[in-house]
Amino acid sequence: MRQRQSLETDGYRAQLAHWADGRVLLRSRQGADMTAAFSEIAAASLAQLPADTGLDGAM
C-alpha cells in the first residue's frame, strides 16, 4: 500500500519531533517520513527549538 502525504489547501499537515539526542523527524499525518523533503525545516528546528519538542500543524 502506498502512503500518501496529506495535502492541505495551503500546504501539508505534518508532525515534527525534535529529540534531545539531536534527531529530528518530520512526518505526514499518515506516518510518511517527510524529513528529507523538508530538510530546511528539520535544520531550523535543531537551531531554534528546545530539545524534546513535538509540533503538529500545517506547512
Protein backbone atom coordinates (compact mmCIF):
# COMPACT_ATOMS: atom_id res chain seq x y z
CA MET A 1 0.00 0.00 0.00
CA ARG A 2 1.37 3.40 -0.94
CA GLN A 3 1.49 6.04 1.78
CA ARG A 4 0.28 9.49 0.80
CA GLN A 5 1.05 12.86 2.22
CA SER A 6 -1.94 14.86 3.35
CA LEU A 7 -2.22 17.87 1.02
CA GLU A 8 -3.94 20.79 2.66
CA THR A 9 -5.36 23.59 0.53
CA ASP A 10 -2.44 25.79 1.54
CA GLY A 11 0.30 23.22 2.33
CA TYR A 12 0.88 19.91 4.12
CA ARG A 13 -0.37 18.74 7.51
CA ALA A 14 2.63 17.38 9.42
CA GLN A 15 4.09 16.50 12.80
CA LEU A 16 7.63 17.37 13.87
CA ALA A 17 9.61 15.69 16.64
CA HIS A 18 12.96 17.02 17.93
CA TRP A 19 14.66 14.68 20.42
CA ALA A 20 17.33 15.58 22.99
CA ASP A 21 19.91 13.44 21.16
CA GLY A 22 19.61 15.67 18.06
CA ARG A 23 17.28 13.53 15.95
CA VAL A 24 14.52 15.26 14.02
CA LEU A 25 11.55 13.58 12.35
CA LEU A 26 9.04 15.36 10.14
CA ARG A 27 6.16 13.12 9.13
CA SER A 28 2.78 13.29 7.48
CA ARG A 29 -0.38 12.55 9.45
CA GLN A 30 -0.39 9.13 7.75
CA GLY A 31 3.15 8.43 9.03
CA ALA A 32 5.19 9.03 5.86
CA ASP A 33 8.68 10.37 6.63
CA MET A 34 8.98 13.85 5.06
CA THR A 35 12.26 14.86 6.77
CA ALA A 36 14.43 14.64 3.64
CA ALA A 37 11.88 16.52 1.52
CA PHE A 38 11.82 19.41 4.03
CA SER A 39 15.42 19.34 5.26
CA GLU A 40 15.49 23.11 5.77
CA ILE A 41 12.66 22.83 8.32
CA ALA A 42 14.48 19.99 10.11
CA ALA A 43 17.67 22.07 10.29
CA ALA A 44 15.77 25.13 11.56
CA SER A 45 14.13 23.05 14.29
CA LEU A 46 17.57 21.97 15.55
CA ALA A 47 18.71 25.59 15.68
CA GLN A 48 15.56 27.17 17.13
CA LEU A 49 13.55 24.66 19.17
CA PRO A 50 14.38 23.23 22.58
CA ALA A 51 15.10 19.51 22.81
CA ASP A 52 12.21 17.11 23.30
CA THR A 53 9.77 19.28 21.36
CA GLY A 54 6.81 17.99 19.36
CA LEU A 55 4.76 20.11 16.96
CA ASP A 56 1.65 19.44 14.90
CA GLY A 57 0.43 21.78 12.20
CA ALA A 58 0.34 22.79 8.56
CA MET A 59 3.30 23.89 6.50
